[in-house]
């Protein structure tokens, strides 16, 4: 089977020749740039600076030679701009605070402040306030709160202020994404499209690190408060956001929809380590109608499968995600409360695809031994793989400082399991 055939079989809940593997297919299934460099050295690949294709989390691009070495079946299809609004092209060298030489887009700009923190600028414009901070000694950026003072009268809050980043997709952007989609299609890999516009409160996007001077509700805490205290406004934002997104998806589908297998819909987290950010009732009232509208359109007009990211303890939310029309859940945080892998597979394995969950990136992968990593990976594969409905990945991105031996043990365990199928 080709990678594309393998992934599509699993998405259809069918057994395939191997368990499909994703590393780098999305911004929540990648690897820190330092880990990518270490793997290139381990596999004896050409030593060259890693592309920092997602600078917010400092994720490294997995080039074709490394993807082949580790057995990746999936590749991403997205626009030219990063979460900072900078380009993923015209690569130039940048020395990271931890000393790694990487490649960044041509307009990526930073400065180091008096505390030794590295600041990044929206759209690379150093004339405006920075939008993200990489703390001294850290390995990824944090958003900077740039929310302007809110009006004293709640009635003066403007709907359009929280829709600045949502607009009809341009011909230039469609052409860029189409070129990428066609390249992935020719490679034989499955494609995951991330076209933006359907975040519905994705908290990583609320601060709008790509905008030079964002308006509206941009503080993380204030946004969460707004989902309760200003729910009418949030409904209006979601409705307009979805209307714009569906028009964009119609154009994308007409241009190159046959080249896309999966679409990343939303990264809004609903779970914490042992609880949830809201109640099921709130989900059904505030989020579900808009998810349903997007998913229904996708399923009625395309062959795409829809991808929902949510970390944390979400056993009570998985049936709600299914009812909202999602085909895939990621990252399957098995260490969170109520997220027992065997129970998840038994209860929901026929109705939703588990994408991730292959190894604990908070404990086992960074702090265990290679033998412990191997054992956990093999156990997860035995649980999740029968009958398809599983794409192997770690639980969220592989983080900086993860021992290379442990990452290799994870990858070798997948190859070992697949070799016995």
Foldseek 3Di string as FASTA:
>chain_A
DFLAVCQVCLLQLAADLAFAADEAQDQFFHAAQVLLQVLCVVVVHDRDAFAQQAQQQNGTHQDPVNCVVLVHQEHEQEFQAYLLREGSDPWDWDQDLVGGIHTYGPLWDWDADPQRKIFTAAHSDPVFDTQWIAHRVHRHIDGDQQEDDDDPDPVPFDLCLQCVPFDADDPVRLVRRQVVLVVCLVVRGAYEYEYDLQALCQLSPLLSSNDRRGYGDRDSVSVLVCVPVVVVSSQVNLVVSLVSVVVNVVVSCVVHQVSHAAYERYARAQADQEGGSDDPVSCVVRPLVSLLVVLVVCVVPGNYAYEYEYDHDQPVCVVVCLVSRHAEYPDQQCNGPPSPLLVCCVPPVNRHAHEHPQEHLVDCQQPNDLVSLLVSNLVNCVRRNPSRSYHYGHRTYNYPNGDSSNVVSNSVSSVVVSVVD
